[in-house]
Amino acid sequence: MRVLFLASLCPKTGNCTTAERIRCHIEAAGHTCILRNSADIKERSDVTTLLAQESGVEAALAIHLYKGGRHLLDLQVPFGIVFGGTDVNEDVKDEKKRAVMERVLKKARFAVAFTPQMKEEAESLLLSESSKIRIQPQGIKTQAASDFSWSDFLISSGVEANDVEGVCVFLLVCGLRRVKDPLYLLNAFSEWHASNPQVIFIIIGPKMDPVFSEEVEERVKRSAGVYLAAEREQDELHAAMMHSFALVNSSISEGMSAAILEAMDLGLPVLARDIPGNAAIVQHDVTGLLFSSPEEFVLMAKRLLDNQQLRERLGANSRSYVGEHHSFAQERKNYQQLVETLRS
């Protein structure tokens, strides 16, 4: 089959990584997958033009009910849908978007939720058939670049060459947009850095919101011990994670954070904001640490810094959890089975 696949493809983001992985699953089954950026589609005529360019499309798939799914409503081919994070957590609050999302869900042959909680949210907030929504956690596969230079990475991020040795890096991986809330911990972390210069905070990710990215850059410049790193290829990012002390997530809303799962797979301790999407994959004090305020983050970070046994236990538990619940091979098998249901 020729399958049209719409997703947000901002480079080096979780959505892009997820879309590329699903595309590989589809093509491994012998199908042709035409992956296109849903952000490039502004109006209905764009979909018509796309179909004219890609003749013979027999089925379709999209990530995010509103951003991607609404563009599939007029297609005369069967389609499936994958929930994002903001569709269930944010877009349902807008009545017009919610109505569109319900139409998408009604017409789709299947819908994929990353967690049981996401499925429950969708069923309670959107008119849907329970049997139509399948639970499929994200599959994770990590590989660190072998030629990665940690010292070069730190220096290029703004850390003084004389300070590279012995720094303890808390790494926040996110696209620069408000829902990721990368400024949430800055004041508290800078205060901690003033008393312990060894600890530093590095934010890394693409500039998805230009206006907000400027705000982040300005705040980082005024925040001692905080740095902003340029986005990296995934294998370099995984290498940076392996050299870091801990992975941080301070998002307001998450579907299922690929960065958290990748860090867990690499055995890196995770400190994540206590929101439903994070709590679905991070069990407090078992596979990571959850915090509800900047002050609580600092307390937990200090605890982690002072307790090697805790670090080792969290790393081992999280790696085991990802291996058991986020199998790349199982994800491939399940998506391939779902795509087969799109045959006319």
C-alpha atoms as a PDB file:
ATOM      1  CA  MET A   1       0.000   0.000   0.000  1.00  0.00           C
ATOM      2  CA  ARG A   2       0.950   3.636  -0.460  1.00  0.00           C
ATOM      3  CA  VAL A   3       0.338   5.309   2.902  1.00  0.00           C
ATOM      4  CA  LEU A   4       0.248   9.088   3.382  1.00  0.00           C
ATOM      5  CA  PHE A   5       1.542   9.998   6.841  1.00  0.00           C
ATOM      6  CA  LEU A   6       1.081  13.525   8.282  1.00  0.00           C
ATOM      7  CA  ALA A   7       2.997  14.664  11.354  1.00  0.00           C
ATOM      8  CA  SER A   8       4.758  17.691  12.787  1.00  0.00           C
ATOM      9  CA  LEU A   9       8.297  17.376  11.447  1.00  0.00           C
ATOM     10  CA  CYS A  10      10.195  20.153  13.175  1.00  0.00           C
ATOM     11  CA  PRO A  11      13.719  18.669  13.163  1.00  0.00           C
ATOM     12  CA  LYS A  12      15.187  17.096  16.299  1.00  0.00           C
ATOM     13  CA  THR A  13      11.909  17.037  18.227  1.00  0.00           C
ATOM     14  CA  GLY A  14      10.073  14.148  19.867  1.00  0.00           C
ATOM     15  CA  ASN A  15       7.247  14.328  17.324  1.00  0.00           C
ATOM     16  CA  CYS A  16       9.688  14.096  14.441  1.00  0.00           C
ATOM     17  CA  THR A  17      11.527  11.178  16.047  1.00  0.00           C
ATOM     18  CA  THR A  18       8.251   9.330  16.652  1.00  0.00           C
ATOM     19  CA  ALA A  19       7.067   9.927  13.092  1.00  0.00           C
ATOM     20  CA  GLU A  20      10.331   8.682  11.595  1.00  0.00           C
ATOM     21  CA  ARG A  21      10.210   5.566  13.752  1.00  0.00           C
ATOM     22  CA  ILE A  22       6.606   4.750  12.740  1.00  0.00           C
ATOM     23  CA  ARG A  23       7.489   5.390   9.087  1.00  0.00           C
ATOM     24  CA  CYS A  24      10.270   2.814   9.383  1.00  0.00           C
ATOM     25  CA  HIS A  25       7.812   0.316  10.899  1.00  0.00           C
ATOM     26  CA  ILE A  26       5.406   0.793   7.989  1.00  0.00           C
ATOM     27  CA  GLU A  27       8.091   0.486   5.320  1.00  0.00           C
ATOM     28  CA  ALA A  28       9.581  -2.599   7.008  1.00  0.00           C
ATOM     29  CA  ALA A  29       6.272  -4.322   6.217  1.00  0.00           C
ATOM     30  CA  GLY A  30       6.750  -3.616   2.504  1.00  0.00           C
ATOM     31  CA  HIS A  31       4.510  -0.541   2.220  1.00  0.00           C
ATOM     32  CA  THR A  32       5.446   2.849   0.788  1.00  0.00           C
ATOM     33  CA  CYS A  33       5.133   5.557   3.438  1.00  0.00           C
ATOM     34  CA  ILE A  34       4.898   9.172   2.243  1.00  0.00           C
ATOM     35  CA  LEU A  35       5.771  11.240   5.314  1.00  0.00           C
ATOM     36  CA  ARG A  36       4.833  14.926   5.089  1.00  0.00           C
ATOM     37  CA  ASN A  37       4.857  17.851   7.506  1.00  0.00           C
ATOM     38  CA  SER A  38       1.327  18.668   8.675  1.00  0.00           C
ATOM     39  CA  ALA A  39       2.481  22.248   9.397  1.00  0.00           C
ATOM     40  CA  ASP A  40       2.935  22.796   5.639  1.00  0.00           C
ATOM     41  CA  ILE A  41      -0.785  22.235   5.046  1.00  0.00           C
ATOM     42  CA  LYS A  42      -2.620  25.520   5.499  1.00  0.00           C
ATOM     43  CA  GLU A  43      -5.926  24.853   3.702  1.00  0.00           C
ATOM     44  CA  ARG A  44      -7.933  22.110   2.015  1.00  0.00           C
ATOM     45  CA  SER A  45      -6.495  22.815  -1.418  1.00  0.00           C
ATOM     46  CA  ASP A  46      -3.039  21.921  -0.076  1.00  0.00           C
ATOM     47  CA  VAL A  47      -4.260  18.378   0.619  1.00  0.00           C
ATOM     48  CA  THR A  48      -5.679  18.123  -2.910  1.00  0.00           C
ATOM     49  CA  THR A  49      -2.372  19.312  -4.336  1.00  0.00           C
ATOM     50  CA  LEU A  50      -0.448  16.831  -2.195  1.00  0.00           C
ATOM     51  CA  LEU A  51      -2.613  13.933  -3.356  1.00  0.00           C
ATOM     52  CA  ALA A  52      -2.151  14.999  -6.971  1.00  0.00           C
ATOM     53  CA  GLN A  53       1.618  14.943  -6.474  1.00  0.00           C
ATOM     54  CA  GLU A  54       1.546  11.601  -4.685  1.00  0.00           C
ATOM     55  CA  SER A  55      -0.768   9.546  -6.860  1.00  0.00           C
ATOM     56  CA  GLY A  56      -2.044   6.171  -5.764  1.00  0.00           C
ATOM     57  CA  VAL A  57      -2.428   6.884  -2.050  1.00  0.00           C
ATOM     58  CA  GLU A  58      -4.466   4.005  -0.607  1.00  0.00           C
ATOM     59  CA  ALA A  59      -4.459   4.805   3.117  1.00  0.00           C
ATOM     60  CA  ALA A  60      -3.399   7.523   5.534  1.00  0.00           C
ATOM     61  CA  LEU A  61      -2.116   8.086   9.054  1.00  0.00           C
ATOM     62  CA  ALA A  62      -1.560  11.210  11.166  1.00  0.00           C
ATOM     63  CA  ILE A  63      -0.099  12.161  14.512  1.00  0.00           C
ATOM     64  CA  HIS A  64      -2.290  14.563  16.512  1.00  0.00           C
ATOM     65  CA  LEU A  65      -6.047  14.622  16.002  1.00  0.00           C
ATOM     66  CA  TYR A  66      -6.282  18.329  15.247  1.00  0.00           C
ATOM     67  CA  LYS A  67      -2.944  19.345  13.736  1.00  0.00           C
ATOM     68  CA  GLY A  68      -2.739  16.279  11.513  1.00  0.00           C
ATOM     69  CA  GLY A  69      -6.063  14.472  11.598  1.00  0.00           C
ATOM     70  CA  ARG A  70      -8.274  17.327  10.395  1.00  0.00           C
ATOM     71  CA  HIS A  71      -6.471  17.261   7.042  1.00  0.00           C
ATOM     72  CA  LEU A  72      -7.569  13.648   6.507  1.00  0.00           C
ATOM     73  CA  LEU A  73     -11.317  14.259   6.880  1.00  0.00           C
ATOM     74  CA  ASP A  74     -11.916  14.933   3.181  1.00  0.00           C
ATOM     75  CA  LEU A  75      -9.781  12.038   1.955  1.00  0.00           C
ATOM     76  CA  GLN A  76     -11.579   9.171   0.293  1.00  0.00           C
ATOM     77  CA  VAL A  77      -9.211   6.583   1.786  1.00  0.00           C
ATOM     78  CA  PRO A  78      -9.268   4.838   5.181  1.00  0.00           C
ATOM     79  CA  PHE A  79      -7.024   6.333   7.849  1.00  0.00           C
ATOM     80  CA  GLY A  80      -5.758   5.876  11.392  1.00  0.00           C
ATOM     81  CA  ILE A  81      -4.701   8.432  13.972  1.00  0.00           C
ATOM     82  CA  VAL A  82      -2.083   8.668  16.737  1.00  0.00           C
ATOM     83  CA  PHE A  83      -2.783  10.929  19.721  1.00  0.00           C
ATOM     84  CA  GLY A  84      -0.185  13.589  20.495  1.00  0.00           C
ATOM     85  CA  GLY A  85       0.135  15.255  23.874  1.00  0.00           C
ATOM     86  CA  THR A  86      -1.464  18.641  23.288  1.00  0.00           C
ATOM     87  CA  ASP A  87      -4.569  17.304  21.518  1.00  0.00           C
ATOM     88  CA  VAL A  88      -5.896  15.527  24.624  1.00  0.00           C
ATOM     89  CA  ASN A  89      -4.281  17.837  27.185  1.00  0.00           C
ATOM     90  CA  GLU A  90      -4.790  21.252  25.603  1.00  0.00           C
ATOM     91  CA  ASP A  91      -6.825  21.356  22.360  1.00  0.00           C
ATOM     92  CA  VAL A  92      -9.911  19.715  23.881  1.00  0.00           C
ATOM     93  CA  LYS A  93     -10.387  22.964  25.851  1.00  0.00           C
ATOM     94  CA  ASP A  94     -11.214  24.743  22.570  1.00  0.00           C
ATOM     95  CA  GLU A  95     -14.771  23.844  21.542  1.00  0.00           C
ATOM     96  CA  LYS A  96     -14.147  24.282  17.797  1.00  0.00           C
ATOM     97  CA  LYS A  97     -11.011  22.135  17.852  1.00  0.00           C
ATOM     98  CA  ARG A  98     -12.737  19.568  20.010  1.00  0.00           C
ATOM     99  CA  ALA A  99     -15.607  19.233  17.524  1.00  0.00           C
ATOM    100  CA  VAL A 100     -13.125  18.651  14.693  1.00  0.00           C
ATOM    101  CA  MET A 101     -11.221  16.105  16.758  1.00  0.00           C
ATOM    102  CA  GLU A 102     -14.419  14.178  17.463  1.00  0.00           C
ATOM    103  CA  ARG A 103     -15.130  14.014  13.720  1.00  0.00           C
ATOM    104  CA  VAL A 104     -11.615  12.734  13.091  1.00  0.00           C
ATOM    105  CA  LEU A 105     -11.927  10.086  15.793  1.00  0.00           C
ATOM    106  CA  LYS A 106     -15.327   8.980  14.492  1.00  0.00           C
ATOM    107  CA  LYS A 107     -14.047   8.527  10.934  1.00  0.00           C
ATOM    108  CA  ALA A 108     -10.698   6.924  11.812  1.00  0.00           C
ATOM    109  CA  ARG A 109     -10.462   3.141  11.673  1.00  0.00           C
ATOM    110  CA  PHE A 110      -8.200   3.132  14.708  1.00  0.00           C
ATOM    111  CA  ALA A 111      -6.589   5.537  17.153  1.00  0.00           C
ATOM    112  CA  VAL A 112      -3.388   4.993  19.127  1.00  0.00           C
ATOM    113  CA  ALA A 113      -2.875   6.283  22.670  1.00  0.00           C
ATOM    114  CA  PHE A 114       0.555   6.026  24.278  1.00  0.00           C
ATOM    115  CA  THR A 115      -0.785   5.329  27.787  1.00  0.00           C
ATOM    116  CA  PRO A 116      -3.932   3.975  29.491  1.00  0.00           C
ATOM    117  CA  GLN A 117      -4.356   7.432  31.041  1.00  0.00           C
ATOM    118  CA  MET A 118      -4.360   9.059  27.595  1.00  0.00           C
ATOM    119  CA  LYS A 119      -6.987   6.575  26.397  1.00  0.00           C
ATOM    120  CA  GLU A 120      -9.154   7.317  29.449  1.00  0.00           C
ATOM    121  CA  GLU A 121      -8.811  11.071  28.903  1.00  0.00           C
ATOM    122  CA  ALA A 122      -9.813  10.724  25.256  1.00  0.00           C
ATOM    123  CA  GLU A 123     -12.829   8.591  26.131  1.00  0.00           C
ATOM    124  CA  SER A 124     -14.024  11.048  28.766  1.00  0.00           C
ATOM    125  CA  LEU A 125     -13.425  14.230  26.763  1.00  0.00           C
ATOM    126  CA  LEU A 126     -14.213  13.112  23.209  1.00  0.00           C
ATOM    127  CA  LEU A 127     -17.135  11.136  21.816  1.00  0.00           C
ATOM    128  CA  SER A 128     -15.449   7.890  20.834  1.00  0.00           C
ATOM    129  CA  GLU A 129     -15.783   4.128  20.651  1.00  0.00           C
ATOM    130  CA  SER A 130     -13.599   2.610  23.369  1.00  0.00           C
ATOM    131  CA  SER A 131     -12.670  -0.367  21.199  1.00  0.00           C
ATOM    132  CA  LYS A 132     -11.289   1.958  18.522  1.00  0.00           C
ATOM    133  CA  ILE A 133      -8.539   3.363  20.776  1.00  0.00           C
ATOM    134  CA  ARG A 134      -5.534   1.058  21.132  1.00  0.00           C
ATOM    135  CA  ILE A 135      -2.789   1.509  23.736  1.00  0.00           C
ATOM    136  CA  GLN A 136       0.715   1.385  22.276  1.00  0.00           C
ATOM    137  CA  PRO A 137       3.563   2.859  24.338  1.00  0.00           C
ATOM    138  CA  GLN A 138       6.398   4.457  22.427  1.00  0.00           C
ATOM    139  CA  GLY A 139       9.140   2.032  21.416  1.00  0.00           C
ATOM    140  CA  ILE A 140      12.621   3.181  22.351  1.00  0.00           C
ATOM    141  CA  LYS A 141      15.963   2.547  20.684  1.00  0.00           C
ATOM    142  CA  THR A 142      19.065   4.486  21.757  1.00  0.00           C
ATOM    143  CA  GLN A 143      22.503   4.749  20.188  1.00  0.00           C
ATOM    144  CA  ALA A 144      25.202   7.176  21.308  1.00  0.00           C
ATOM    145  CA  ALA A 145      27.682   8.702  18.861  1.00  0.00           C
ATOM    146  CA  SER A 146      31.106   7.107  19.328  1.00  0.00           C
ATOM    147  CA  ASP A 147      33.048  10.233  18.301  1.00  0.00           C
ATOM    148  CA  PHE A 148      31.237  12.638  20.641  1.00  0.00           C
ATOM    149  CA  SER A 149      33.431  15.061  22.633  1.00  0.00           C
ATOM    150  CA  TRP A 150      31.917  16.011  25.991  1.00  0.00           C
ATOM    151  CA  SER A 151      34.360  18.851  26.618  1.00  0.00           C
ATOM    152  CA  ASP A 152      33.694  20.328  23.157  1.00  0.00           C
ATOM    153  CA  PHE A 153      29.960  20.093  23.813  1.00  0.00           C
ATOM    154  CA  LEU A 154      30.266  21.940  27.123  1.00  0.00           C
ATOM    155  CA  ILE A 155      32.504  24.663  25.701  1.00  0.00           C
ATOM    156  CA  SER A 156      30.230  25.163  22.687  1.00  0.00           C
ATOM    157  CA  SER A 157      27.320  25.520  25.124  1.00  0.00           C
ATOM    158  CA  GLY A 158      29.078  28.395  26.868  1.00  0.00           C
ATOM    159  CA  VAL A 159      30.818  26.662  29.764  1.00  0.00           C
ATOM    160  CA  GLU A 160      34.252  28.162  30.409  1.00  0.00           C
ATOM    161  CA  ALA A 161      37.077  25.807  29.379  1.00  0.00           C
ATOM    162  CA  ASN A 162      38.589  26.039  32.875  1.00  0.00           C
ATOM    163  CA  ASP A 163      35.283  24.869  34.393  1.00  0.00           C
ATOM    164  CA  VAL A 164      34.699  21.804  32.197  1.00  0.00           C
ATOM    165  CA  GLU A 165      36.366  19.309  34.520  1.00  0.00           C
ATOM    166  CA  GLY A 166      34.126  18.006  37.275  1.00  0.00           C
ATOM    167  CA  VAL A 167      30.902  19.802  36.345  1.00  0.00           C
ATOM    168  CA  CYS A 168      27.660  18.065  37.204  1.00  0.00           C
ATOM    169  CA  VAL A 169      25.206  18.603  34.346  1.00  0.00           C
ATOM    170  CA  PHE A 170      21.433  18.559  34.679  1.00  0.00           C
ATOM    171  CA  LEU A 171      20.209  18.296  31.078  1.00  0.00           C
ATOM    172  CA  LEU A 172      16.794  19.570  29.940  1.00  0.00           C
ATOM    173  CA  VAL A 173      15.906  18.298  26.460  1.00  0.00           C
ATOM    174  CA  CYS A 174      13.004  20.120  24.802  1.00  0.00           C
ATOM    175  CA  GLY A 175      11.912  22.186  21.844  1.00  0.00           C
ATOM    176  CA  LEU A 176      11.744  25.833  22.883  1.00  0.00           C
ATOM    177  CA  ARG A 177       8.014  26.427  23.247  1.00  0.00           C
ATOM    178  CA  ARG A 178       5.886  27.496  26.193  1.00  0.00           C
ATOM    179  CA  VAL A 179       4.259  24.122  26.873  1.00  0.00           C
ATOM    180  CA  LYS A 180       7.737  22.730  27.669  1.00  0.00           C
ATOM    181  CA  ASP A 181       8.279  25.501  30.263  1.00  0.00           C
ATOM    182  CA  PRO A 182      12.098  25.511  30.127  1.00  0.00           C
ATOM    183  CA  LEU A 183      12.243  28.645  32.327  1.00  0.00           C
ATOM    184  CA  TYR A 184      10.390  26.976  35.212  1.00  0.00           C
ATOM    185  CA  LEU A 185      13.509  25.998  37.172  1.00  0.00           C
ATOM    186  CA  LEU A 186      15.925  28.788  36.242  1.00  0.00           C
ATOM    187  CA  ASN A 187      15.708  30.979  39.359  1.00  0.00           C
ATOM    188  CA  ALA A 188      15.853  28.069  41.785  1.00  0.00           C
ATOM    189  CA  PHE A 189      18.721  26.421  39.922  1.00  0.00           C
ATOM    190  CA  SER A 190      20.756  29.642  39.748  1.00  0.00           C
ATOM    191  CA  GLU A 191      20.405  30.081  43.497  1.00  0.00           C
ATOM    192  CA  TRP A 192      21.642  26.517  44.023  1.00  0.00           C
ATOM    193  CA  HIS A 193      24.532  27.081  41.576  1.00  0.00           C
ATOM    194  CA  ALA A 194      25.606  30.131  43.616  1.00  0.00           C
ATOM    195  CA  SER A 195      26.221  27.858  46.609  1.00  0.00           C
ATOM    196  CA  ASN A 196      27.538  24.936  44.533  1.00  0.00           C
ATOM    197  CA  PRO A 197      29.233  26.122  41.291  1.00  0.00           C
ATOM    198  CA  GLN A 198      29.836  22.518  40.261  1.00  0.00           C
ATOM    199  CA  VAL A 199      26.168  22.017  39.292  1.00  0.00           C
ATOM    200  CA  ILE A 200      25.045  23.469  35.971  1.00  0.00           C
ATOM    201  CA  PHE A 201      21.828  23.371  33.950  1.00  0.00           C
ATOM    202  CA  ILE A 202      21.893  22.940  30.172  1.00  0.00           C
ATOM    203  CA  ILE A 203      18.808  23.380  27.992  1.00  0.00           C
ATOM    204  CA  ILE A 204      19.083  21.762  24.559  1.00  0.00           C
ATOM    205  CA  GLY A 205      16.574  21.660  21.708  1.00  0.00           C
ATOM    206  CA  PRO A 206      15.317  23.362  18.550  1.00  0.00           C
ATOM    207  CA  LYS A 207      13.867  26.881  18.519  1.00  0.00           C
ATOM    208  CA  MET A 208      10.270  26.013  17.671  1.00  0.00           C
ATOM    209  CA  ASP A 209       8.683  29.287  18.796  1.00  0.00           C
ATOM    210  CA  PRO A 210      10.899  32.200  17.612  1.00  0.00           C
ATOM    211  CA  VAL A 211       9.449  34.797  20.002  1.00  0.00           C
ATOM    212  CA  PHE A 212       9.603  32.522  23.022  1.00  0.00           C
ATOM    213  CA  SER A 213      13.092  31.327  22.019  1.00  0.00           C
ATOM    214  CA  GLU A 214      14.334  34.919  22.267  1.00  0.00           C
ATOM    215  CA  GLU A 215      12.820  35.155  25.742  1.00  0.00           C
ATOM    216  CA  VAL A 216      14.605  31.947  26.750  1.00  0.00           C
ATOM    217  CA  GLU A 217      17.927  33.220  25.378  1.00  0.00           C
ATOM    218  CA  GLU A 218      17.633  36.469  27.323  1.00  0.00           C
ATOM    219  CA  ARG A 219      16.715  34.721  30.573  1.00  0.00           C
ATOM    220  CA  VAL A 220      19.548  32.212  30.209  1.00  0.00           C
ATOM    221  CA  LYS A 221      22.069  35.033  29.731  1.00  0.00           C
ATOM    222  CA  ARG A 222      20.973  36.519  33.067  1.00  0.00           C
ATOM    223  CA  SER A 223      20.929  33.179  34.922  1.00  0.00           C
ATOM    224  CA  ALA A 224      24.162  32.001  36.522  1.00  0.00           C
ATOM    225  CA  GLY A 225      24.954  28.324  35.953  1.00  0.00           C
ATOM    226  CA  VAL A 226      22.413  27.980  33.136  1.00  0.00           C
ATOM    227  CA  TYR A 227      23.349  27.422  29.475  1.00  0.00           C
ATOM    228  CA  LEU A 228      21.550  27.008  26.158  1.00  0.00           C
ATOM    229  CA  ALA A 229      22.990  24.413  23.774  1.00  0.00           C
ATOM    230  CA  ALA A 230      22.379  24.140  20.048  1.00  0.00           C
ATOM    231  CA  GLU A 231      20.225  21.216  18.922  1.00  0.00           C
ATOM    232  CA  ARG A 232      22.093  18.011  18.031  1.00  0.00           C
ATOM    233  CA  GLU A 233      21.544  14.859  15.998  1.00  0.00           C
ATOM    234  CA  GLN A 234      19.911  12.110  18.017  1.00  0.00           C
ATOM    235  CA  ASP A 235      23.036   9.988  18.466  1.00  0.00           C
ATOM    236  CA  GLU A 236      24.955  13.041  19.719  1.00  0.00           C
ATOM    237  CA  LEU A 237      22.094  13.880  22.070  1.00  0.00           C
ATOM    238  CA  HIS A 238      22.193  10.345  23.462  1.00  0.00           C
ATOM    239  CA  ALA A 239      25.947  10.709  23.994  1.00  0.00           C
ATOM    240  CA  ALA A 240      25.371  13.999  25.844  1.00  0.00           C
ATOM    241  CA  MET A 241      22.806  12.238  28.033  1.00  0.00           C
ATOM    242  CA  MET A 242      25.309   9.528  28.920  1.00  0.00           C
ATOM    243  CA  HIS A 243      27.790  12.152  30.132  1.00  0.00           C
ATOM    244  CA  SER A 244      25.173  14.129  32.077  1.00  0.00           C
ATOM    245  CA  PHE A 245      24.313  13.648  35.728  1.00  0.00           C
ATOM    246  CA  ALA A 246      20.532  13.638  35.244  1.00  0.00           C
ATOM    247  CA  LEU A 247      17.804  14.287  32.664  1.00  0.00           C
ATOM    248  CA  VAL A 248      15.256  16.972  33.587  1.00  0.00           C
ATOM    249  CA  ASN A 249      11.714  17.485  32.290  1.00  0.00           C
ATOM    250  CA  SER A 250       9.758  20.581  33.409  1.00  0.00           C
ATOM    251  CA  SER A 251       6.892  20.490  30.889  1.00  0.00           C
ATOM    252  CA  ILE A 252       3.420  21.771  31.649  1.00  0.00           C
ATOM    253  CA  SER A 253       1.965  19.030  29.453  1.00  0.00           C
ATOM    254  CA  GLU A 254       3.327  15.835  27.886  1.00  0.00           C
ATOM    255  CA  GLY A 255       1.892  12.961  25.886  1.00  0.00           C
ATOM    256  CA  MET A 256       4.804  10.609  26.414  1.00  0.00           C
ATOM    257  CA  SER A 257       8.256  12.171  26.534  1.00  0.00           C
ATOM    258  CA  ALA A 258      10.683  10.338  24.254  1.00  0.00           C
ATOM    259  CA  ALA A 259      13.588  12.171  25.917  1.00  0.00           C
ATOM    260  CA  ILE A 260      12.630  10.767  29.327  1.00  0.00           C
ATOM    261  CA  LEU A 261      12.346   7.238  27.953  1.00  0.00           C
ATOM    262  CA  GLU A 262      15.642   7.517  26.080  1.00  0.00           C
ATOM    263  CA  ALA A 263      17.392   8.711  29.241  1.00  0.00           C
ATOM    264  CA  MET A 264      15.857   5.827  31.177  1.00  0.00           C
ATOM    265  CA  ASP A 265      17.024   3.370  28.525  1.00  0.00           C
ATOM    266  CA  LEU A 266      20.548   4.759  28.921  1.00  0.00           C
ATOM    267  CA  GLY A 267      20.359   4.365  32.705  1.00  0.00           C
ATOM    268  CA  LEU A 268      20.406   8.115  33.350  1.00  0.00           C
ATOM    269  CA  PRO A 269      18.479   9.290  36.445  1.00  0.00           C
ATOM    270  CA  VAL A 270      15.378  11.326  35.586  1.00  0.00           C
ATOM    271  CA  LEU A 271      13.869  14.259  37.480  1.00  0.00           C
ATOM    272  CA  ALA A 272      10.490  15.094  35.973  1.00  0.00           C
ATOM    273  CA  ARG A 273       7.707  17.517  36.756  1.00  0.00           C
ATOM    274  CA  ASP A 274       4.745  15.721  38.301  1.00  0.00           C
ATOM    275  CA  ILE A 275       2.182  15.902  35.489  1.00  0.00           C
ATOM    276  CA  PRO A 276      -0.003  13.029  34.205  1.00  0.00           C
ATOM    277  CA  GLY A 277       2.099  12.310  31.094  1.00  0.00           C
ATOM    278  CA  ASN A 278       5.303  12.051  33.120  1.00  0.00           C
ATOM    279  CA  ALA A 279       3.770  10.190  36.063  1.00  0.00           C
ATOM    280  CA  ALA A 280       2.530   7.559  33.576  1.00  0.00           C
ATOM    281  CA  ILE A 281       6.131   6.502  32.844  1.00  0.00           C
ATOM    282  CA  VAL A 282       8.110   7.664  35.889  1.00  0.00           C
ATOM    283  CA  GLN A 283       7.316   5.945  39.178  1.00  0.00           C
ATOM    284  CA  HIS A 284       8.535   8.218  41.951  1.00  0.00           C
ATOM    285  CA  ASP A 285      11.564   6.897  43.829  1.00  0.00           C
ATOM    286  CA  VAL A 286      11.517   3.711  41.715  1.00  0.00           C
ATOM    287  CA  THR A 287      12.323   4.683  38.105  1.00  0.00           C
ATOM    288  CA  GLY A 288      12.901   8.396  38.683  1.00  0.00           C
ATOM    289  CA  LEU A 289      11.983  11.373  40.825  1.00  0.00           C
ATOM    290  CA  LEU A 290       8.894  13.567  40.403  1.00  0.00           C
ATOM    291  CA  PHE A 291       8.761  17.181  41.618  1.00  0.00           C
ATOM    292  CA  SER A 292       5.903  19.666  41.933  1.00  0.00           C
ATOM    293  CA  SER A 293       7.793  22.943  42.426  1.00  0.00           C
ATOM    294  CA  PRO A 294      11.229  24.431  41.665  1.00  0.00           C
ATOM    295  CA  GLU A 295      12.097  24.225  45.360  1.00  0.00           C
ATOM    296  CA  GLU A 296      11.192  20.544  45.459  1.00  0.00           C
ATOM    297  CA  PHE A 297      13.304  19.976  42.348  1.00  0.00           C
ATOM    298  CA  VAL A 298      16.379  21.399  44.070  1.00  0.00           C
ATOM    299  CA  LEU A 299      15.786  19.252  47.172  1.00  0.00           C
ATOM    300  CA  MET A 300      15.511  16.114  45.049  1.00  0.00           C
ATOM    301  CA  ALA A 301      18.504  17.061  42.903  1.00  0.00           C
ATOM    302  CA  LYS A 302      20.604  17.515  46.054  1.00  0.00           C
ATOM    303  CA  ARG A 303      19.400  14.166  47.344  1.00  0.00           C
ATOM    304  CA  LEU A 304      20.406  12.535  44.074  1.00  0.00           C
ATOM    305  CA  LEU A 305      23.780  14.251  44.150  1.00  0.00           C
ATOM    306  CA  ASP A 306      24.501  12.982  47.658  1.00  0.00           C
ATOM    307  CA  ASN A 307      23.303   9.410  47.188  1.00  0.00           C
ATOM    308  CA  GLN A 308      25.168   7.202  44.715  1.00  0.00           C
ATOM    309  CA  GLN A 309      23.132   4.166  45.709  1.00  0.00           C
ATOM    310  CA  LEU A 310      19.923   6.005  44.788  1.00  0.00           C
ATOM    311  CA  ARG A 311      21.386   7.011  41.408  1.00  0.00           C
ATOM    312  CA  GLU A 312      22.389   3.446  40.631  1.00  0.00           C
ATOM    313  CA  ARG A 313      19.028   2.028  41.734  1.00  0.00           C
ATOM    314  CA  LEU A 314      16.999   4.512  39.679  1.00  0.00           C
ATOM    315  CA  GLY A 315      19.206   3.902  36.637  1.00  0.00           C
ATOM    316  CA  ALA A 316      18.904   0.115  36.834  1.00  0.00           C
ATOM    317  CA  ASN A 317      15.144   0.204  37.477  1.00  0.00           C
ATOM    318  CA  SER A 318      14.443   2.648  34.658  1.00  0.00           C
ATOM    319  CA  ARG A 319      16.504   0.672  32.149  1.00  0.00           C
ATOM    320  CA  SER A 320      14.622  -2.482  33.113  1.00  0.00           C
ATOM    321  CA  TYR A 321      11.269  -0.669  32.842  1.00  0.00           C
ATOM    322  CA  VAL A 322      11.963   0.585  29.312  1.00  0.00           C
ATOM    323  CA  GLY A 323      13.122  -2.845  28.186  1.00  0.00           C
ATOM    324  CA  GLU A 324       9.912  -4.421  29.464  1.00  0.00           C
ATOM    325  CA  HIS A 325       7.319  -1.802  28.484  1.00  0.00           C
ATOM    326  CA  HIS A 326       8.765   0.126  25.531  1.00  0.00           C
ATOM    327  CA  SER A 327      10.014  -2.564  23.193  1.00  0.00           C
ATOM    328  CA  PHE A 328      10.939  -1.297  19.731  1.00  0.00           C
ATOM    329  CA  ALA A 329      10.204  -4.732  18.218  1.00  0.00           C
ATOM    330  CA  GLN A 330       6.744  -4.946  19.809  1.00  0.00           C
ATOM    331  CA  GLU A 331       5.891  -1.427  18.662  1.00  0.00           C
ATOM    332  CA  ARG A 332       6.864  -2.376  15.105  1.00  0.00           C
ATOM    333  CA  LYS A 333       4.706  -5.498  15.166  1.00  0.00           C
ATOM    334  CA  ASN A 334       1.666  -3.640  16.509  1.00  0.00           C
ATOM    335  CA  TYR A 335       1.852  -0.715  14.047  1.00  0.00           C
ATOM    336  CA  GLN A 336       2.239  -3.116  11.156  1.00  0.00           C
ATOM    337  CA  GLN A 337      -0.899  -4.970  12.280  1.00  0.00           C
ATOM    338  CA  LEU A 338      -2.817  -1.691  12.619  1.00  0.00           C
ATOM    339  CA  VAL A 339      -1.796  -0.503   9.154  1.00  0.00           C
ATOM    340  CA  GLU A 340      -3.110  -3.780   7.707  1.00  0.00           C
ATOM    341  CA  THR A 341      -6.590  -2.789   8.957  1.00  0.00           C
ATOM    342  CA  LEU A 342      -6.458   0.191   6.544  1.00  0.00           C
ATOM    343  CA  ARG A 343      -6.738  -2.024   3.492  1.00  0.00           C
ATOM    344  CA  SER A 344      -9.977  -1.126   1.688  1.00  0.00           C
END
